[in-house]
C-alpha atoms as a PDB file:
ATOM      1  CA  MET A   1      28.509  37.700 -86.030  1.00  0.00           C
ATOM      2  CA  ARG A   2      28.263  35.844 -82.729  1.00  0.00           C
ATOM      3  CA  ALA A   3      26.637  38.413 -80.466  1.00  0.00           C
ATOM      4  CA  LEU A   4      23.327  40.250 -80.692  1.00  0.00           C
ATOM      5  CA  VAL A   5      23.613  43.939 -79.868  1.00  0.00           C
ATOM      6  CA  THR A   6      21.174  46.829 -79.969  1.00  0.00           C
ATOM      7  CA  PHE A   7      21.520  50.580 -80.332  1.00  0.00           C
ATOM      8  CA  LEU A   8      19.199  52.407 -77.929  1.00  0.00           C
ATOM      9  CA  LEU A   9      18.202  56.025 -78.578  1.00  0.00           C
ATOM     10  CA  ILE A  10      19.206  58.201 -75.652  1.00  0.00           C
ATOM     11  CA  ALA A  11      16.415  60.527 -74.541  1.00  0.00           C
ATOM     12  CA  SER A  12      17.819  61.457 -71.149  1.00  0.00           C
ATOM     13  CA  PRO A  13      21.234  62.827 -70.049  1.00  0.00           C
ATOM     14  CA  ALA A  14      21.177  60.298 -67.209  1.00  0.00           C
ATOM     15  CA  PHE A  15      22.776  57.722 -69.502  1.00  0.00           C
ATOM     16  CA  ALA A  16      26.576  57.876 -69.213  1.00  0.00           C
ATOM     17  CA  GLN A  17      28.971  58.112 -72.153  1.00  0.00           C
ATOM     18  CA  PRO A  18      26.637  57.598 -75.113  1.00  0.00           C
ATOM     19  CA  PHE A  19      27.911  57.225 -78.653  1.00  0.00           C
ATOM     20  CA  GLY A  20      27.384  60.373 -80.676  1.00  0.00           C
ATOM     21  CA  SER A  21      26.087  60.769 -84.220  1.00  0.00           C
ATOM     22  CA  GLU A  22      25.009  63.744 -86.329  1.00  0.00           C
ATOM     23  CA  GLN A  23      21.389  63.537 -85.200  1.00  0.00           C
ATOM     24  CA  HIS A  24      21.192  61.315 -82.107  1.00  0.00           C
ATOM     25  CA  ALA A  25      23.123  59.785 -79.244  1.00  0.00           C
ATOM     26  CA  PHE A  26      23.111  56.028 -78.759  1.00  0.00           C
ATOM     27  CA  ARG A  27      24.019  53.474 -76.117  1.00  0.00           C
ATOM     28  CA  LEU A  28      25.391  50.098 -77.234  1.00  0.00           C
ATOM     29  CA  VAL A  29      23.973  47.171 -75.251  1.00  0.00           C
ATOM     30  CA  ARG A  30      25.099  43.560 -75.573  1.00  0.00           C
ATOM     31  CA  LEU A  31      22.027  41.353 -75.163  1.00  0.00           C
ATOM     32  CA  VAL A  32      23.352  37.842 -75.669  1.00  0.00           C
ATOM     33  CA  GLU A  33      26.240  35.838 -77.098  1.00  0.00           C
ATOM     34  CA  GLY A  34      26.439  32.503 -78.908  1.00  0.00           C
ATOM     35  CA  LEU A  35      24.369  33.237 -82.012  1.00  0.00           C
ATOM     36  CA  ASP A  36      25.566  32.115 -85.437  1.00  0.00           C
ATOM     37  CA  GLN A  37      24.904  34.808 -88.075  1.00  0.00           C
ATOM     38  CA  PRO A  38      21.696  36.265 -86.592  1.00  0.00           C
ATOM     39  CA  TRP A  39      19.562  37.852 -89.310  1.00  0.00           C
ATOM     40  CA  SER A  40      16.364  39.189 -87.755  1.00  0.00           C
ATOM     41  CA  LEU A  41      14.400  39.267 -84.517  1.00  0.00           C
ATOM     42  CA  ALA A  42      10.804  39.599 -83.338  1.00  0.00           C
ATOM     43  CA  PHE A  43       9.585  40.635 -79.891  1.00  0.00           C
ATOM     44  CA  LEU A  44       6.949  38.377 -78.320  1.00  0.00           C
ATOM     45  CA  PRO A  45       4.274  39.857 -76.023  1.00  0.00           C
ATOM     46  CA  ASP A  46       5.692  37.954 -73.027  1.00  0.00           C
ATOM     47  CA  GLY A  47       9.071  39.670 -73.368  1.00  0.00           C
ATOM     48  CA  ARG A  48      10.916  36.867 -75.142  1.00  0.00           C
ATOM     49  CA  MET A  49      12.610  37.414 -78.493  1.00  0.00           C
ATOM     50  CA  LEU A  50      12.712  35.205 -81.563  1.00  0.00           C
ATOM     51  CA  VAL A  51      15.971  35.398 -83.513  1.00  0.00           C
ATOM     52  CA  THR A  52      16.676  33.833 -86.906  1.00  0.00           C
ATOM     53  CA  GLU A  53      20.078  32.351 -87.656  1.00  0.00           C
ATOM     54  CA  LYS A  54      21.024  32.237 -91.318  1.00  0.00           C
ATOM     55  CA  ARG A  55      21.884  28.534 -91.258  1.00  0.00           C
ATOM     56  CA  GLY A  56      18.236  27.691 -90.545  1.00  0.00           C
ATOM     57  CA  ARG A  57      17.618  27.904 -86.815  1.00  0.00           C
ATOM     58  CA  LEU A  58      14.998  29.960 -84.992  1.00  0.00           C
ATOM     59  CA  ARG A  59      16.304  30.783 -81.520  1.00  0.00           C
ATOM     60  CA  VAL A  60      14.660  32.152 -78.376  1.00  0.00           C
ATOM     61  CA  ILE A  61      16.078  34.734 -75.977  1.00  0.00           C
ATOM     62  CA  GLU A  62      14.379  34.632 -72.598  1.00  0.00           C
ATOM     63  CA  GLN A  63      15.264  36.912 -69.685  1.00  0.00           C
ATOM     64  CA  GLY A  64      18.586  37.804 -71.246  1.00  0.00           C
ATOM     65  CA  LYS A  65      19.627  34.213 -71.978  1.00  0.00           C
ATOM     66  CA  LEU A  66      19.818  32.327 -75.265  1.00  0.00           C
ATOM     67  CA  LEU A  67      17.874  29.084 -74.868  1.00  0.00           C
ATOM     68  CA  PRO A  68      19.919  26.071 -76.013  1.00  0.00           C
ATOM     69  CA  GLN A  69      17.210  24.423 -78.109  1.00  0.00           C
ATOM     70  CA  PRO A  70      16.012  26.090 -81.336  1.00  0.00           C
ATOM     71  CA  ILE A  71      12.328  26.216 -82.212  1.00  0.00           C
ATOM     72  CA  ALA A  72      11.395  22.947 -83.942  1.00  0.00           C
ATOM     73  CA  GLY A  73       9.243  22.481 -87.040  1.00  0.00           C
ATOM     74  CA  LEU A  74      10.743  24.954 -89.519  1.00  0.00           C
ATOM     75  CA  PRO A  75      10.466  24.194 -93.245  1.00  0.00           C
ATOM     76  CA  GLN A  76      13.622  23.049 -95.023  1.00  0.00           C
ATOM     77  CA  VAL A  77      16.042  25.979 -95.361  1.00  0.00           C
ATOM     78  CA  THR A  78      18.808  26.080 -97.989  1.00  0.00           C
ATOM     79  CA  VAL A  79      21.952  28.046 -97.142  1.00  0.00           C
ATOM     80  CA  HIS A  80      23.245  29.408-100.442  1.00  0.00           C
ATOM     81  CA  GLY A  81      25.487  32.462-100.593  1.00  0.00           C
ATOM     82  CA  GLN A  82      23.608  35.296 -98.867  1.00  0.00           C
ATOM     83  CA  GLY A  83      20.467  33.182 -98.597  1.00  0.00           C
ATOM     84  CA  GLY A  84      19.264  31.172 -95.614  1.00  0.00           C
ATOM     85  CA  LEU A  85      16.726  31.728 -92.856  1.00  0.00           C
ATOM     86  CA  GLN A  86      15.957  35.428 -93.046  1.00  0.00           C
ATOM     87  CA  ASP A  87      13.103  37.406 -91.512  1.00  0.00           C
ATOM     88  CA  VAL A  88      10.664  36.531 -88.732  1.00  0.00           C
ATOM     89  CA  VAL A  89       7.561  38.655 -88.120  1.00  0.00           C
ATOM     90  CA  LEU A  90       4.524  38.288 -85.882  1.00  0.00           C
ATOM     91  CA  HIS A  91       1.007  38.463 -87.282  1.00  0.00           C
ATOM     92  CA  PRO A  92      -0.669  41.759 -86.222  1.00  0.00           C
ATOM     93  CA  GLN A  93      -3.110  39.653 -84.176  1.00  0.00           C
ATOM     94  CA  PHE A  94      -0.434  37.338 -82.782  1.00  0.00           C
ATOM     95  CA  ALA A  95      -1.790  37.552 -79.240  1.00  0.00           C
ATOM     96  CA  LYS A  96      -4.978  35.896 -80.498  1.00  0.00           C
ATOM     97  CA  ASN A  97      -3.798  33.538 -83.263  1.00  0.00           C
ATOM     98  CA  ARG A  98      -0.103  32.841 -82.394  1.00  0.00           C
ATOM     99  CA  LEU A  99       0.870  33.091 -86.075  1.00  0.00           C
ATOM    100  CA  ILE A 100       4.385  33.982 -87.177  1.00  0.00           C
ATOM    101  CA  TYR A 101       5.813  34.476 -90.678  1.00  0.00           C
ATOM    102  CA  ILE A 102       9.301  33.562 -91.856  1.00  0.00           C
ATOM    103  CA  SER A 103      11.196  34.122 -95.086  1.00  0.00           C
ATOM    104  CA  TYR A 104      13.959  31.779 -96.147  1.00  0.00           C
ATOM    105  CA  ALA A 105      15.903  30.445 -99.119  1.00  0.00           C
ATOM    106  CA  ALA A 106      14.707  27.098-100.462  1.00  0.00           C
ATOM    107  CA  ARG A 107      15.792  24.831-103.289  1.00  0.00           C
ATOM    108  CA  GLY A 108      13.566  23.922-106.231  1.00  0.00           C
ATOM    109  CA  GLU A 109      13.952  22.409-109.684  1.00  0.00           C
ATOM    110  CA  ASP A 110      15.200  25.722-111.108  1.00  0.00           C
ATOM    111  CA  GLY A 111      17.624  26.639-108.325  1.00  0.00           C
ATOM    112  CA  VAL A 112      17.318  28.448-104.999  1.00  0.00           C
ATOM    113  CA  GLY A 113      14.931  31.289-104.199  1.00  0.00           C
ATOM    114  CA  THR A 114      13.086  33.059-101.416  1.00  0.00           C
ATOM    115  CA  GLU A 115       9.952  31.520 -99.936  1.00  0.00           C
ATOM    116  CA  LEU A 116       7.441  32.709 -97.352  1.00  0.00           C
ATOM    117  CA  ALA A 117       5.783  30.494 -94.758  1.00  0.00           C
ATOM    118  CA  ARG A 118       3.506  31.007 -91.808  1.00  0.00           C
ATOM    119  CA  ALA A 119       3.046  28.779 -88.779  1.00  0.00           C
ATOM    120  CA  ARG A 120       1.534  28.715 -85.325  1.00  0.00           C
ATOM    121  CA  LEU A 121       3.969  29.088 -82.466  1.00  0.00           C
ATOM    122  CA  ALA A 122       3.103  26.413 -79.905  1.00  0.00           C
ATOM    123  CA  GLY A 123       5.573  26.368 -77.049  1.00  0.00           C
ATOM    124  CA  GLU A 124       8.976  25.448 -78.447  1.00  0.00           C
ATOM    125  CA  ARG A 125       7.826  24.336 -81.891  1.00  0.00           C
ATOM    126  CA  LEU A 126       5.962  25.479 -84.992  1.00  0.00           C
ATOM    127  CA  GLU A 127       2.697  23.815 -85.989  1.00  0.00           C
ATOM    128  CA  ASP A 128       0.412  24.058 -89.039  1.00  0.00           C
ATOM    129  CA  VAL A 129       3.293  25.247 -91.258  1.00  0.00           C
ATOM    130  CA  GLN A 130       2.064  26.577 -94.612  1.00  0.00           C
ATOM    131  CA  VAL A 131       4.198  27.813 -97.500  1.00  0.00           C
ATOM    132  CA  LEU A 132       2.352  30.907 -98.756  1.00  0.00           C
ATOM    133  CA  PHE A 133       4.702  32.004-101.530  1.00  0.00           C
ATOM    134  CA  ARG A 134       7.564  30.613-103.616  1.00  0.00           C
ATOM    135  CA  GLN A 135       9.720  32.843-105.770  1.00  0.00           C
ATOM    136  CA  SER A 136       9.556  31.938-109.455  1.00  0.00           C
ATOM    137  CA  PRO A 137      11.817  31.494-111.228  1.00  0.00           C
ATOM    138  CA  LYS A 138      14.481  30.739-108.652  1.00  0.00           C
ATOM    139  CA  GLY A 139      18.146  30.930-109.695  1.00  0.00           C
ATOM    140  CA  SER A 140      21.714  29.775-109.252  1.00  0.00           C
ATOM    141  CA  ARG A 141      23.388  32.929-107.972  1.00  0.00           C
ATOM    142  CA  GLY A 142      24.085  33.420-104.294  1.00  0.00           C
ATOM    143  CA  GLN A 143      23.246  37.084-103.752  1.00  0.00           C
ATOM    144  CA  HIS A 144      20.306  39.450-103.256  1.00  0.00           C
ATOM    145  CA  PHE A 145      17.576  37.266-101.774  1.00  0.00           C
ATOM    146  CA  GLY A 146      15.710  40.182-100.173  1.00  0.00           C
ATOM    147  CA  GLY A 147      13.519  38.635 -97.497  1.00  0.00           C
ATOM    148  CA  ARG A 148      12.040  41.453 -95.414  1.00  0.00           C
ATOM    149  CA  ILE A 149       8.403  40.999 -94.305  1.00  0.00           C
ATOM    150  CA  VAL A 150       6.092  43.908 -93.446  1.00  0.00           C
ATOM    151  CA  PHE A 151       2.411  44.222 -92.533  1.00  0.00           C
ATOM    152  CA  ASP A 152       0.646  47.488 -93.294  1.00  0.00           C
ATOM    153  CA  ARG A 153      -2.168  49.032 -91.278  1.00  0.00           C
ATOM    154  CA  ALA A 154      -4.794  47.426 -93.509  1.00  0.00           C
ATOM    155  CA  GLY A 155      -3.389  43.957 -92.817  1.00  0.00           C
ATOM    156  CA  PHE A 156      -1.735  43.347 -96.191  1.00  0.00           C
ATOM    157  CA  LEU A 157       1.569  41.494 -96.149  1.00  0.00           C
ATOM    158  CA  TYR A 158       4.610  42.641 -98.136  1.00  0.00           C
ATOM    159  CA  LEU A 159       7.698  40.557 -98.922  1.00  0.00           C
ATOM    160  CA  THR A 160      10.821  42.068-100.502  1.00  0.00           C
ATOM    161  CA  LEU A 161      12.740  40.136-103.143  1.00  0.00           C
ATOM    162  CA  GLY A 162      16.182  41.042-104.482  1.00  0.00           C
ATOM    163  CA  ASP A 163      17.270  40.883-108.103  1.00  0.00           C
ATOM    164  CA  ARG A 164      19.528  37.864-107.372  1.00  0.00           C
ATOM    165  CA  GLY A 165      22.496  39.726-108.801  1.00  0.00           C
ATOM    166  CA  GLU A 166      20.937  39.915-112.259  1.00  0.00           C
ATOM    167  CA  MET A 167      19.660  43.472-112.722  1.00  0.00           C
ATOM    168  CA  ALA A 168      17.610  42.711-115.832  1.00  0.00           C
ATOM    169  CA  ARG A 169      15.422  40.292-113.888  1.00  0.00           C
ATOM    170  CA  ALA A 170      14.103  43.158-111.762  1.00  0.00           C
ATOM    171  CA  GLN A 171      12.470  44.709-114.848  1.00  0.00           C
ATOM    172  CA  ARG A 172      10.666  41.600-116.088  1.00  0.00           C
ATOM    173  CA  SER A 173       6.929  41.162-115.758  1.00  0.00           C
ATOM    174  CA  ASP A 174       7.108  37.368-115.519  1.00  0.00           C
ATOM    175  CA  ASP A 175       9.835  37.223-112.855  1.00  0.00           C
ATOM    176  CA  HIS A 176       9.405  37.754-109.112  1.00  0.00           C
ATOM    177  CA  ALA A 177      13.027  38.872-108.671  1.00  0.00           C
ATOM    178  CA  GLY A 178      13.565  42.531-107.787  1.00  0.00           C
ATOM    179  CA  SER A 179       9.992  43.047-106.603  1.00  0.00           C
ATOM    180  CA  VAL A 180       7.891  43.749-103.555  1.00  0.00           C
ATOM    181  CA  ILE A 181       5.275  41.004-103.228  1.00  0.00           C
ATOM    182  CA  ARG A 182       1.858  41.931-101.796  1.00  0.00           C
ATOM    183  CA  LEU A 183      -0.459  39.295-100.334  1.00  0.00           C
ATOM    184  CA  HIS A 184      -3.299  38.741 -97.923  1.00  0.00           C
ATOM    185  CA  ASP A 185      -2.151  37.260 -94.619  1.00  0.00           C
ATOM    186  CA  ASP A 186      -3.180  33.789 -95.814  1.00  0.00           C
ATOM    187  CA  GLY A 187      -1.220  34.026 -99.068  1.00  0.00           C
ATOM    188  CA  ARG A 188      -4.074  34.991-101.393  1.00  0.00           C
ATOM    189  CA  VAL A 189      -3.322  37.611-104.032  1.00  0.00           C
ATOM    190  CA  PRO A 190      -5.287  40.856-103.507  1.00  0.00           C
ATOM    191  CA  LYS A 191      -7.559  41.639-106.409  1.00  0.00           C
ATOM    192  CA  ASP A 192      -6.374  45.248-106.460  1.00  0.00           C
ATOM    193  CA  ASN A 193      -2.718  44.393-106.928  1.00  0.00           C
ATOM    194  CA  PRO A 194      -1.519  46.575-109.826  1.00  0.00           C
ATOM    195  CA  PHE A 195      -0.675  43.666-112.148  1.00  0.00           C
ATOM    196  CA  ALA A 196      -3.325  41.137-111.096  1.00  0.00           C
ATOM    197  CA  GLY A 197      -5.122  39.884-114.185  1.00  0.00           C
ATOM    198  CA  LYS A 198      -2.635  41.375-116.647  1.00  0.00           C
ATOM    199  CA  PRO A 199      -1.402  38.776-119.162  1.00  0.00           C
ATOM    200  CA  GLY A 200       2.253  37.906-118.718  1.00  0.00           C
ATOM    201  CA  TRP A 201       2.581  39.491-115.261  1.00  0.00           C
ATOM    202  CA  LYS A 202       3.145  37.804-111.919  1.00  0.00           C
ATOM    203  CA  PRO A 203       0.007  38.835-109.983  1.00  0.00           C
ATOM    204  CA  GLU A 204       1.834  38.973-106.645  1.00  0.00           C
ATOM    205  CA  LYS A 205       4.108  41.814-107.813  1.00  0.00           C
ATOM    206  CA  PHE A 206       3.498  45.199-106.204  1.00  0.00           C
ATOM    207  CA  THR A 207       6.671  46.953-107.367  1.00  0.00           C
ATOM    208  CA  LEU A 208       9.468  46.164-109.797  1.00  0.00           C
ATOM    209  CA  GLY A 209      12.995  47.378-110.485  1.00  0.00           C
ATOM    210  CA  ASN A 210      14.338  46.857-106.957  1.00  0.00           C
ATOM    211  CA  ARG A 211      17.900  45.755-106.216  1.00  0.00           C
ATOM    212  CA  ASN A 212      17.879  44.134-102.777  1.00  0.00           C
ATOM    213  CA  MET A 213      15.625  45.609-100.113  1.00  0.00           C
ATOM    214  CA  GLN A 214      16.865  44.562 -96.691  1.00  0.00           C
ATOM    215  CA  ALA A 215      16.614  47.739 -94.615  1.00  0.00           C
ATOM    216  CA  PRO A 216      14.853  47.094 -91.301  1.00  0.00           C
ATOM    217  CA  ARG A 217      11.150  46.773 -92.056  1.00  0.00           C
ATOM    218  CA  CYS A 218      11.047  49.584 -94.624  1.00  0.00           C
ATOM    219  CA  ILE A 219       9.151  49.251 -97.902  1.00  0.00           C
ATOM    220  CA  ARG A 220       8.726  52.968 -98.501  1.00  0.00           C
ATOM    221  CA  ARG A 221      12.175  53.184-100.051  1.00  0.00           C
ATOM    222  CA  PRO A 222      12.319  50.717-102.947  1.00  0.00           C
ATOM    223  CA  GLY A 223      15.860  49.659-103.621  1.00  0.00           C
ATOM    224  CA  CYS A 224      17.139  50.773-100.239  1.00  0.00           C
ATOM    225  CA  CYS A 225      20.157  48.451-100.302  1.00  0.00           C
ATOM    226  CA  GLY A 226      22.907  50.944-101.060  1.00  0.00           C
ATOM    227  CA  PRO A 227      23.256  54.065-103.188  1.00  0.00           C
ATOM    228  CA  THR A 228      23.257  52.149-106.486  1.00  0.00           C
ATOM    229  CA  SER A 229      19.810  50.673-105.895  1.00  0.00           C
ATOM    230  CA  THR A 230      16.919  51.645-108.114  1.00  0.00           C
ATOM    231  CA  GLY A 231      13.220  51.090-107.907  1.00  0.00           C
ATOM    232  CA  ARG A 232       9.958  51.898-109.627  1.00  0.00           C
ATOM    233  CA  LYS A 233       6.519  51.978-108.107  1.00  0.00           C
ATOM    234  CA  ALA A 234       3.985  49.608-109.547  1.00  0.00           C
ATOM    235  CA  GLY A 235       2.349  50.950-112.675  1.00  0.00           C
ATOM    236  CA  MET A 236       5.030  53.558-113.379  1.00  0.00           C
ATOM    237  CA  ARG A 237       6.995  53.142-116.582  1.00  0.00           C
END
């Protein structure tokens, strides 16, 4: 995928020749060309857009143009199968603290898995980079890394993790795979997480039994990656 396009909901008949669907009409707009496997984007308050490229580059679109230089200072990203640089999300108070969050695949002693980092956006680079979460165990397979990041209204952070192509992992208490992870914005584990303090459970887990949640910023539908996905809410057996 070399071009970034958007589908805009048509609310007025003034738009010519929209695309039709069962429920809405849409207009297809080409924003920019030259991207290499764009994965996610975030809108900055000044009108610019941050775009992640799977191979490990964070790009900037400014006034309809793709800037030639990527944002510097990212943590080391491992491209492995479906994994690479994935989501980018602004902190709810970004205008005050300039913090952004990224999810990405990274290599460790036990393979490759999804990690979560936050950093301060300072001009064209990231500063004060902190890794807040590392999936454990990682794995050798190249699919189902998850990687979506969501903030709720209370300020909690959620990270989706896929089952890595091994469905049984999504049911295990001591495995992050196939889970939604719930954290404070600084990476601390909330005390009211459903499995916090339970022997043998990863305290970061908020749900389990998920296949590969990658729908755009949606954590209300566990396992929303295709009709074969399954999911269970935390605490439900």
